[in-house]
Amino acid sequence: MKKEEIELIQKTFDYDRNNGMLYRKESFHKRYIGWTAGAINGRGYMLVRIGKKKYPVHRLAWIISFGYNPVEIDHIDHDTTNNSMDNLREVDRKTQTKNRSISKNNKTGTNGVSVGNGGFIAYTAIDGERVHLGTFSTKAEAVSARQASDIVVGYHENHGA
């Protein structure tokens, strides 16, 4: 992101680190100054338009607070509308994947546990490679194996929540 773009963002908005809201400092119309900015898109992220370009509020919050646009920003609690600074952290892609919500296609209710081979299969990922943890006769055993591996591999405590 160019320096001019960062300066425009910092000039246009105030950011409340506690509630995660952006407030307009400048607007094409004076009556909008002080108003909250942003609308939720179809993927659940708050977006703000500056000119013809849309920006995610969590990115603008980071830019206003720290003056740069990081590669990845993680919503720690998985709530993409919670843009308070306590809920945002700069991470790399590898760390980001260790704090994912459970997939809506998941049939067992636990990340890394699937049904097959006459039982419950537990698996994890290490450096992008799928690692088989075992096949278990009960879901509880498979979940326990996955939870133990989450600690060893370094998954975030919210992973799968």
N, C-alpha and C. Protein backbone atom coordinates (compact mmCIF):
# COMPACT_ATOMS: atom_id res chain seq x y z
N MET A 1 0.85 -1.18 0.00
CA MET A 1 0.00 0.00 0.00
C MET A 1 0.89 1.24 0.00
N LYS A 2 0.54 2.18 -0.82
CA LYS A 2 1.34 3.39 -0.97
C LYS A 2 1.18 4.31 0.23
N LYS A 3 2.22 5.10 0.47
CA LYS A 3 2.24 6.04 1.59
C LYS A 3 1.06 7.02 1.51
N GLU A 4 0.74 7.47 0.31
CA GLU A 4 -0.36 8.43 0.13
C GLU A 4 -1.70 7.81 0.53
N GLU A 5 -1.87 6.54 0.21
CA GLU A 5 -3.10 5.83 0.56
C GLU A 5 -3.22 5.69 2.08
N ILE A 6 -2.12 5.36 2.74
CA ILE A 6 -2.10 5.25 4.20
C ILE A 6 -2.43 6.60 4.82
N GLU A 7 -1.84 7.66 4.31
CA GLU A 7 -2.11 9.01 4.83
C GLU A 7 -3.58 9.40 4.64
N LEU A 8 -4.17 9.04 3.50
CA LEU A 8 -5.59 9.34 3.25
C LEU A 8 -6.47 8.61 4.27
N ILE A 9 -6.16 7.36 4.53
CA ILE A 9 -6.93 6.58 5.50
C ILE A 9 -6.82 7.21 6.88
N GLN A 10 -5.61 7.56 7.29
CA GLN A 10 -5.41 8.15 8.62
C GLN A 10 -6.05 9.52 8.73
N LYS A 11 -6.16 10.23 7.62
CA LYS A 11 -6.78 11.54 7.60
C LYS A 11 -8.32 11.45 7.61
N THR A 12 -8.84 10.38 7.03
CA THR A 12 -10.29 10.26 6.84
C THR A 12 -11.01 9.67 8.05
N PHE A 13 -10.34 8.80 8.82
CA PHE A 13 -11.01 8.08 9.91
C PHE A 13 -10.30 8.18 11.24
N ASP A 14 -11.09 8.14 12.29
CA ASP A 14 -10.62 7.87 13.65
C ASP A 14 -11.00 6.43 13.96
N TYR A 15 -10.19 5.79 14.76
CA TYR A 15 -10.45 4.39 15.14
C TYR A 15 -10.49 4.29 16.65
N ASP A 16 -11.55 3.67 17.16
CA ASP A 16 -11.67 3.40 18.59
C ASP A 16 -11.16 1.98 18.84
N ARG A 17 -10.01 1.85 19.48
CA ARG A 17 -9.37 0.56 19.70
C ARG A 17 -10.20 -0.36 20.60
N ASN A 18 -11.06 0.20 21.42
CA ASN A 18 -11.86 -0.61 22.35
C ASN A 18 -13.09 -1.23 21.70
N ASN A 19 -13.83 -0.42 20.94
CA ASN A 19 -15.04 -0.97 20.33
C ASN A 19 -14.85 -1.38 18.87
N GLY A 20 -13.69 -1.08 18.30
CA GLY A 20 -13.38 -1.51 16.95
C GLY A 20 -14.07 -0.73 15.85
N MET A 21 -14.65 0.40 16.17
CA MET A 21 -15.40 1.18 15.18
C MET A 21 -14.53 2.28 14.55
N LEU A 22 -14.85 2.55 13.29
CA LEU A 22 -14.25 3.68 12.59
C LEU A 22 -15.25 4.83 12.59
N TYR A 23 -14.73 6.03 12.76
CA TYR A 23 -15.56 7.23 12.73
C TYR A 23 -14.98 8.18 11.69
N ARG A 24 -15.86 8.78 10.90
CA ARG A 24 -15.40 9.69 9.84
C ARG A 24 -14.90 11.00 10.43
N LYS A 25 -13.66 11.36 10.06
CA LYS A 25 -13.10 12.66 10.42
C LYS A 25 -13.34 13.65 9.29
N GLU A 26 -13.35 13.11 8.07
CA GLU A 26 -13.59 13.91 6.88
C GLU A 26 -14.64 13.23 6.04
N SER A 27 -15.41 14.02 5.33
CA SER A 27 -16.43 13.46 4.47
C SER A 27 -16.73 14.45 3.36
N PHE A 28 -17.30 13.95 2.28
CA PHE A 28 -17.71 14.84 1.19
C PHE A 28 -18.83 15.76 1.66
N HIS A 29 -19.50 15.39 2.73
CA HIS A 29 -20.60 16.19 3.27
C HIS A 29 -20.40 16.30 4.78
N LYS A 30 -20.39 17.52 5.31
CA LYS A 30 -20.07 17.74 6.72
C LYS A 30 -20.99 16.98 7.68
N ARG A 31 -22.20 16.71 7.27
CA ARG A 31 -23.13 16.06 8.20
C ARG A 31 -22.70 14.64 8.55
N TYR A 32 -21.84 14.02 7.74
CA TYR A 32 -21.39 12.65 8.00
C TYR A 32 -20.17 12.57 8.92
N ILE A 33 -19.56 13.70 9.23
CA ILE A 33 -18.40 13.71 10.11
C ILE A 33 -18.84 13.24 11.50
N GLY A 34 -18.08 12.29 12.06
CA GLY A 34 -18.40 11.72 13.37
C GLY A 34 -19.25 10.46 13.29
N TRP A 35 -19.81 10.18 12.14
CA TRP A 35 -20.62 8.98 11.97
C TRP A 35 -19.73 7.74 11.93
N THR A 36 -20.28 6.63 12.35
CA THR A 36 -19.56 5.37 12.20
C THR A 36 -19.51 5.00 10.73
N ALA A 37 -18.46 4.29 10.37
CA ALA A 37 -18.27 3.91 8.97
C ALA A 37 -18.23 2.40 8.86
N GLY A 38 -18.82 1.87 7.82
CA GLY A 38 -18.72 0.44 7.55
C GLY A 38 -20.06 -0.24 7.40
N ALA A 39 -20.04 -1.29 6.58
CA ALA A 39 -21.21 -2.14 6.38
C ALA A 39 -20.70 -3.56 6.24
N ILE A 40 -21.51 -4.52 6.66
CA ILE A 40 -21.11 -5.92 6.61
C ILE A 40 -21.37 -6.48 5.21
N ASN A 41 -20.35 -7.13 4.65
CA ASN A 41 -20.51 -7.74 3.32
C ASN A 41 -21.03 -9.18 3.46
N GLY A 42 -21.17 -9.86 2.35
CA GLY A 42 -21.73 -11.22 2.33
C GLY A 42 -20.87 -12.25 3.04
N ARG A 43 -19.59 -11.97 3.23
CA ARG A 43 -18.70 -12.90 3.93
C ARG A 43 -18.59 -12.57 5.42
N GLY A 44 -19.29 -11.53 5.87
CA GLY A 44 -19.31 -11.20 7.29
C GLY A 44 -18.27 -10.20 7.73
N TYR A 45 -17.54 -9.58 6.80
CA TYR A 45 -16.53 -8.59 7.15
C TYR A 45 -17.12 -7.18 7.03
N MET A 46 -16.68 -6.31 7.91
CA MET A 46 -17.06 -4.89 7.83
C MET A 46 -16.19 -4.25 6.76
N LEU A 47 -16.81 -3.55 5.81
CA LEU A 47 -16.09 -2.86 4.75
C LEU A 47 -16.43 -1.38 4.76
N VAL A 48 -15.47 -0.57 4.32
CA VAL A 48 -15.65 0.86 4.18
C VAL A 48 -15.21 1.25 2.77
N ARG A 49 -15.95 2.15 2.17
CA ARG A 49 -15.59 2.63 0.84
C ARG A 49 -14.89 3.98 0.97
N ILE A 50 -13.75 4.07 0.29
CA ILE A 50 -13.06 5.36 0.14
C ILE A 50 -12.94 5.57 -1.37
N GLY A 51 -13.65 6.55 -1.87
CA GLY A 51 -13.71 6.73 -3.31
C GLY A 51 -14.42 5.53 -3.92
N LYS A 52 -13.76 4.86 -4.85
CA LYS A 52 -14.36 3.70 -5.51
C LYS A 52 -13.83 2.38 -4.95
N LYS A 53 -12.96 2.46 -3.97
CA LYS A 53 -12.32 1.25 -3.44
C LYS A 53 -12.90 0.89 -2.07
N LYS A 54 -13.12 -0.42 -1.85
CA LYS A 54 -13.60 -0.91 -0.56
C LYS A 54 -12.44 -1.49 0.24
N TYR A 55 -12.45 -1.21 1.54
CA TYR A 55 -11.41 -1.67 2.44
C TYR A 55 -12.04 -2.40 3.63
N PRO A 56 -11.47 -3.51 4.06
CA PRO A 56 -11.93 -4.15 5.29
C PRO A 56 -11.59 -3.27 6.49
N VAL A 57 -12.52 -3.10 7.41
CA VAL A 57 -12.33 -2.24 8.57
C VAL A 57 -11.15 -2.72 9.41
N HIS A 58 -10.95 -4.04 9.54
CA HIS A 58 -9.83 -4.51 10.37
C HIS A 58 -8.49 -4.07 9.79
N ARG A 59 -8.39 -3.97 8.47
CA ARG A 59 -7.14 -3.49 7.85
C ARG A 59 -6.96 -1.99 8.10
N LEU A 60 -8.05 -1.23 7.97
CA LEU A 60 -7.95 0.21 8.24
C LEU A 60 -7.61 0.47 9.69
N ALA A 61 -8.18 -0.33 10.59
CA ALA A 61 -7.86 -0.19 12.02
C ALA A 61 -6.37 -0.39 12.24
N TRP A 62 -5.81 -1.39 11.60
CA TRP A 62 -4.38 -1.67 11.76
C TRP A 62 -3.54 -0.54 11.16
N ILE A 63 -3.94 -0.07 9.99
CA ILE A 63 -3.20 1.00 9.33
C ILE A 63 -3.23 2.28 10.16
N ILE A 64 -4.40 2.62 10.70
CA ILE A 64 -4.52 3.82 11.54
C ILE A 64 -3.68 3.66 12.79
N SER A 65 -3.67 2.49 13.39
CA SER A 65 -2.96 2.27 14.65
C SER A 65 -1.45 2.16 14.46
N PHE A 66 -1.00 1.49 13.39
CA PHE A 66 0.41 1.17 13.27
C PHE A 66 1.10 1.73 12.02
N GLY A 67 0.31 2.27 11.07
CA GLY A 67 0.90 2.93 9.93
C GLY A 67 1.32 2.03 8.77
N TYR A 68 0.93 0.77 8.80
CA TYR A 68 1.25 -0.12 7.68
C TYR A 68 0.17 -1.19 7.55
N ASN A 69 0.17 -1.86 6.39
CA ASN A 69 -0.81 -2.88 6.07
C ASN A 69 -0.13 -4.25 6.09
N PRO A 70 -0.37 -5.06 7.13
CA PRO A 70 0.30 -6.36 7.20
C PRO A 70 -0.27 -7.36 6.19
N VAL A 71 0.47 -8.43 5.98
CA VAL A 71 0.04 -9.47 5.04
C VAL A 71 -1.21 -10.17 5.56
N GLU A 72 -1.23 -10.57 6.82
CA GLU A 72 -2.37 -11.28 7.41
C GLU A 72 -2.75 -10.63 8.74
N ILE A 73 -4.06 -10.54 8.97
CA ILE A 73 -4.60 -10.11 10.26
C ILE A 73 -5.61 -11.16 10.68
N ASP A 74 -5.47 -11.64 11.91
CA ASP A 74 -6.35 -12.69 12.43
C ASP A 74 -7.36 -12.08 13.39
N HIS A 75 -8.63 -12.43 13.22
CA HIS A 75 -9.65 -12.13 14.22
C HIS A 75 -9.59 -13.29 15.22
N ILE A 76 -9.07 -13.05 16.38
CA ILE A 76 -8.78 -14.10 17.35
C ILE A 76 -10.03 -14.89 17.71
N ASP A 77 -11.16 -14.20 17.92
CA ASP A 77 -12.38 -14.89 18.34
C ASP A 77 -13.25 -15.35 17.17
N HIS A 78 -12.75 -15.21 15.93
CA HIS A 78 -13.44 -15.62 14.70
C HIS A 78 -14.61 -14.71 14.34
N ASP A 79 -14.90 -13.69 15.13
CA ASP A 79 -15.99 -12.77 14.84
C ASP A 79 -15.43 -11.66 13.95
N THR A 80 -15.73 -11.73 12.66
CA THR A 80 -15.15 -10.79 11.70
C THR A 80 -15.73 -9.38 11.80
N THR A 81 -16.75 -9.20 12.64
CA THR A 81 -17.26 -7.85 12.88
C THR A 81 -16.66 -7.24 14.14
N ASN A 82 -15.93 -8.03 14.92
CA ASN A 82 -15.27 -7.54 16.14
C ASN A 82 -13.88 -7.05 15.75
N ASN A 83 -13.77 -5.76 15.50
CA ASN A 83 -12.51 -5.18 15.06
C ASN A 83 -11.80 -4.40 16.16
N SER A 84 -12.08 -4.73 17.42
CA SER A 84 -11.34 -4.11 18.52
C SER A 84 -9.90 -4.62 18.47
N MET A 85 -8.98 -3.79 18.89
CA MET A 85 -7.57 -4.16 18.80
C MET A 85 -7.24 -5.39 19.63
N ASP A 86 -7.98 -5.64 20.71
CA ASP A 86 -7.77 -6.84 21.52
C ASP A 86 -8.09 -8.12 20.74
N ASN A 87 -8.87 -8.00 19.67
CA ASN A 87 -9.28 -9.17 18.89
C ASN A 87 -8.47 -9.34 17.60
N LEU A 88 -7.58 -8.41 17.32
CA LEU A 88 -6.80 -8.47 16.09
C LEU A 88 -5.34 -8.77 16.40
N ARG A 89 -4.72 -9.57 15.54
CA ARG A 89 -3.28 -9.81 15.67
C ARG A 89 -2.69 -10.03 14.29
N GLU A 90 -1.47 -9.54 14.13
CA GLU A 90 -0.75 -9.76 12.88
C GLU A 90 -0.11 -11.14 12.94
N VAL A 91 -0.35 -11.92 11.91
CA VAL A 91 0.18 -13.27 11.84
C VAL A 91 0.65 -13.58 10.43
N ASP A 92 1.37 -14.68 10.27
CA ASP A 92 1.68 -15.16 8.94
C ASP A 92 0.61 -16.17 8.54
N ARG A 93 0.60 -16.60 7.29
CA ARG A 93 -0.43 -17.51 6.79
C ARG A 93 -0.46 -18.82 7.59
N LYS A 94 0.70 -19.33 7.94
CA LYS A 94 0.80 -20.59 8.67
C LYS A 94 0.11 -20.49 10.04
N THR A 95 0.34 -19.38 10.73
CA THR A 95 -0.28 -19.16 12.04
C THR A 95 -1.78 -18.92 11.88
N GLN A 96 -2.15 -18.22 10.82
CA GLN A 96 -3.56 -17.94 10.55
C GLN A 96 -4.36 -19.25 10.44
N THR A 97 -3.79 -20.24 9.79
CA THR A 97 -4.52 -21.50 9.59
C THR A 97 -4.67 -22.29 10.89
N LYS A 98 -3.92 -21.91 11.91
CA LYS A 98 -4.03 -22.60 13.20
C LYS A 98 -5.09 -21.96 14.11
N ASN A 99 -5.85 -21.05 13.55
CA ASN A 99 -6.96 -20.45 14.29
C ASN A 99 -8.15 -20.30 13.35
N ARG A 100 -8.58 -21.38 12.78
CA ARG A 100 -9.73 -21.38 11.87
C ARG A 100 -10.98 -21.85 12.59
N SER A 101 -12.10 -21.30 12.13
CA SER A 101 -13.39 -21.81 12.59
C SER A 101 -13.61 -23.20 12.01
N ILE A 102 -14.50 -23.93 12.61
CA ILE A 102 -14.82 -25.25 12.07
C ILE A 102 -15.55 -25.09 10.74
N SER A 103 -15.23 -25.94 9.80
CA SER A 103 -15.85 -25.89 8.48
C SER A 103 -17.33 -26.23 8.58
N LYS A 104 -18.14 -25.56 7.78
CA LYS A 104 -19.57 -25.86 7.79
C LYS A 104 -19.86 -27.24 7.20
N ASN A 105 -18.89 -27.83 6.51
CA ASN A 105 -19.04 -29.18 5.95
C ASN A 105 -18.60 -30.27 6.92
N ASN A 106 -18.07 -29.88 8.08
CA ASN A 106 -17.59 -30.86 9.05
C ASN A 106 -18.76 -31.66 9.61
N LYS A 107 -18.64 -32.97 9.58
CA LYS A 107 -19.75 -33.84 10.03
C LYS A 107 -19.59 -34.34 11.45
N THR A 108 -18.37 -34.19 12.03
CA THR A 108 -18.15 -34.71 13.39
C THR A 108 -18.19 -33.64 14.46
N GLY A 109 -18.13 -32.37 14.05
CA GLY A 109 -18.15 -31.28 15.02
C GLY A 109 -16.78 -30.95 15.58
N THR A 110 -15.72 -31.57 15.07
CA THR A 110 -14.36 -31.32 15.54
C THR A 110 -13.41 -31.25 14.36
N ASN A 111 -12.61 -30.19 14.29
CA ASN A 111 -11.58 -30.12 13.27
C ASN A 111 -10.62 -31.29 13.42
N GLY A 112 -10.24 -31.90 12.30
CA GLY A 112 -9.26 -32.98 12.35
C GLY A 112 -9.81 -34.32 12.73
N VAL A 113 -11.12 -34.47 12.74
CA VAL A 113 -11.75 -35.76 13.03
C VAL A 113 -12.79 -36.02 11.95
N SER A 114 -12.69 -37.20 11.32
CA SER A 114 -13.66 -37.58 10.31
C SER A 114 -14.10 -39.03 10.55
N VAL A 115 -15.14 -39.42 9.84
CA VAL A 115 -15.68 -40.78 9.97
C VAL A 115 -15.22 -41.58 8.76
N GLY A 116 -14.74 -42.79 9.00
CA GLY A 116 -14.32 -43.65 7.90
C GLY A 116 -13.58 -44.87 8.40
N ASN A 117 -13.37 -45.84 7.52
CA ASN A 117 -12.64 -47.06 7.87
C ASN A 117 -13.20 -47.76 9.11
N GLY A 118 -14.49 -47.69 9.28
CA GLY A 118 -15.11 -48.37 10.42
C GLY A 118 -14.88 -47.71 11.76
N GLY A 119 -14.50 -46.45 11.77
CA GLY A 119 -14.28 -45.75 13.02
C GLY A 119 -14.13 -44.26 12.80
N PHE A 120 -13.49 -43.61 13.74
CA PHE A 120 -13.25 -42.18 13.67
C PHE A 120 -11.76 -41.95 13.43
N ILE A 121 -11.45 -41.18 12.41
CA ILE A 121 -10.06 -40.93 12.02
C ILE A 121 -9.65 -39.55 12.54
N ALA A 122 -8.53 -39.50 13.25
CA ALA A 122 -7.98 -38.24 13.74
C ALA A 122 -6.76 -37.91 12.90
N TYR A 123 -6.64 -36.63 12.55
CA TYR A 123 -5.48 -36.19 11.78
C TYR A 123 -5.19 -34.74 12.12
N THR A 124 -4.00 -34.31 11.79
CA THR A 124 -3.60 -32.93 11.97
C THR A 124 -2.79 -32.52 10.76
N ALA A 125 -2.29 -31.30 10.77
CA ALA A 125 -1.41 -30.84 9.70
C ALA A 125 -0.15 -30.26 10.32
N ILE A 126 0.97 -30.66 9.77
CA ILE A 126 2.26 -30.12 10.20
C ILE A 126 2.97 -29.62 8.94
N ASP A 127 3.27 -28.33 8.94
CA ASP A 127 3.91 -27.70 7.77
C ASP A 127 3.16 -28.00 6.48
N GLY A 128 1.84 -27.95 6.55
CA GLY A 128 1.01 -28.15 5.37
C GLY A 128 0.79 -29.60 4.97
N GLU A 129 1.39 -30.52 5.68
CA GLU A 129 1.24 -31.95 5.37
C GLU A 129 0.26 -32.59 6.34
N ARG A 130 -0.67 -33.34 5.82
CA ARG A 130 -1.64 -34.05 6.65
C ARG A 130 -0.96 -35.23 7.34
N VAL A 131 -1.15 -35.31 8.66
CA VAL A 131 -0.52 -36.37 9.47
C VAL A 131 -1.63 -37.18 10.14
N HIS A 132 -1.64 -38.47 9.88
CA HIS A 132 -2.64 -39.39 10.45
C HIS A 132 -2.29 -39.65 11.91
N LEU A 133 -3.26 -39.42 12.81
CA LEU A 133 -3.03 -39.64 14.24
C LEU A 133 -3.57 -40.99 14.71
N GLY A 134 -4.43 -41.60 13.91
CA GLY A 134 -4.97 -42.90 14.27
C GLY A 134 -6.44 -43.03 13.92
N THR A 135 -6.89 -44.27 13.93
CA THR A 135 -8.31 -44.58 13.75
C THR A 135 -8.81 -45.12 15.08
N PHE A 136 -9.93 -44.60 15.53
CA PHE A 136 -10.43 -44.91 16.87
C PHE A 136 -11.86 -45.42 16.80
N SER A 137 -12.23 -46.24 17.77
CA SER A 137 -13.57 -46.82 17.78
C SER A 137 -14.63 -45.82 18.25
N THR A 138 -14.22 -44.80 19.01
CA THR A 138 -15.18 -43.80 19.46
C THR A 138 -14.75 -42.40 19.04
N LYS A 139 -15.73 -41.56 18.90
CA LYS A 139 -15.47 -40.17 18.56
C LYS A 139 -14.66 -39.49 19.67
N ALA A 140 -14.96 -39.79 20.92
CA ALA A 140 -14.27 -39.19 22.06
C ALA A 140 -12.77 -39.48 22.02
N GLU A 141 -12.41 -40.69 21.64
CA GLU A 141 -10.98 -41.04 21.56
C GLU A 141 -10.29 -40.24 20.44
N ALA A 142 -10.96 -40.12 19.31
CA ALA A 142 -10.40 -39.38 18.18
C ALA A 142 -10.26 -37.90 18.53
N VAL A 143 -11.27 -37.35 19.18
CA VAL A 143 -11.23 -35.94 19.59
C VAL A 143 -10.09 -35.73 20.58
N SER A 144 -9.93 -36.64 21.52
CA SER A 144 -8.86 -36.53 22.50
C SER A 144 -7.49 -36.55 21.83
N ALA A 145 -7.31 -37.44 20.85
CA ALA A 145 -6.04 -37.51 20.12
C ALA A 145 -5.78 -36.20 19.38
N ARG A 146 -6.81 -35.65 18.75
CA ARG A 146 -6.65 -34.40 18.02
C ARG A 146 -6.33 -33.26 18.96
N GLN A 147 -7.02 -33.18 20.09
CA GLN A 147 -6.77 -32.10 21.06
C GLN A 147 -5.35 -32.17 21.61
N ALA A 148 -4.86 -33.37 21.87
CA ALA A 148 -3.48 -33.53 22.35
C ALA A 148 -2.49 -33.05 21.29
N SER A 149 -2.76 -33.37 20.03
CA SER A 149 -1.86 -32.95 18.96
C SER A 149 -1.92 -31.43 18.75
N ASP A 150 -3.10 -30.83 18.98
CA ASP A 150 -3.23 -29.38 18.83
C ASP A 150 -2.25 -28.64 19.73
N ILE A 151 -2.06 -29.14 20.93
CA ILE A 151 -1.14 -28.52 21.88
C ILE A 151 0.30 -28.65 21.37
N VAL A 152 0.65 -29.84 20.93
CA VAL A 152 2.01 -30.11 20.45
C VAL A 152 2.33 -29.31 19.19
N VAL A 153 1.38 -29.28 18.26
CA VAL A 153 1.58 -28.61 16.97
C VAL A 153 1.49 -27.10 17.10
N GLY A 154 0.81 -26.59 18.14
CA GLY A 154 0.72 -25.16 18.37
C GLY A 154 -0.50 -24.48 17.79
N TYR A 155 -1.61 -25.21 17.73
CA TYR A 155 -2.86 -24.59 17.28
C TYR A 155 -3.37 -23.63 18.34
N HIS A 156 -4.05 -22.58 17.90
CA HIS A 156 -4.64 -21.60 18.82
C HIS A 156 -5.78 -22.25 19.58
N GLU A 157 -6.00 -21.82 20.80
CA GLU A 157 -7.06 -22.42 21.63
C GLU A 157 -8.45 -22.24 21.03
N ASN A 158 -8.64 -21.27 20.15
CA ASN A 158 -9.94 -21.05 19.51
C ASN A 158 -10.10 -21.86 18.22
N HIS A 159 -9.06 -22.56 17.79
CA HIS A 159 -9.12 -23.31 16.54
C HIS A 159 -10.29 -24.30 16.58
N GLY A 160 -11.15 -24.22 15.58
CA GLY A 160 -12.28 -25.13 15.50
C GLY A 160 -13.50 -24.68 16.28
N ALA A 161 -13.40 -23.55 16.95
CA ALA A 161 -14.55 -23.07 17.74
C ALA A 161 -15.55 -22.39 16.84
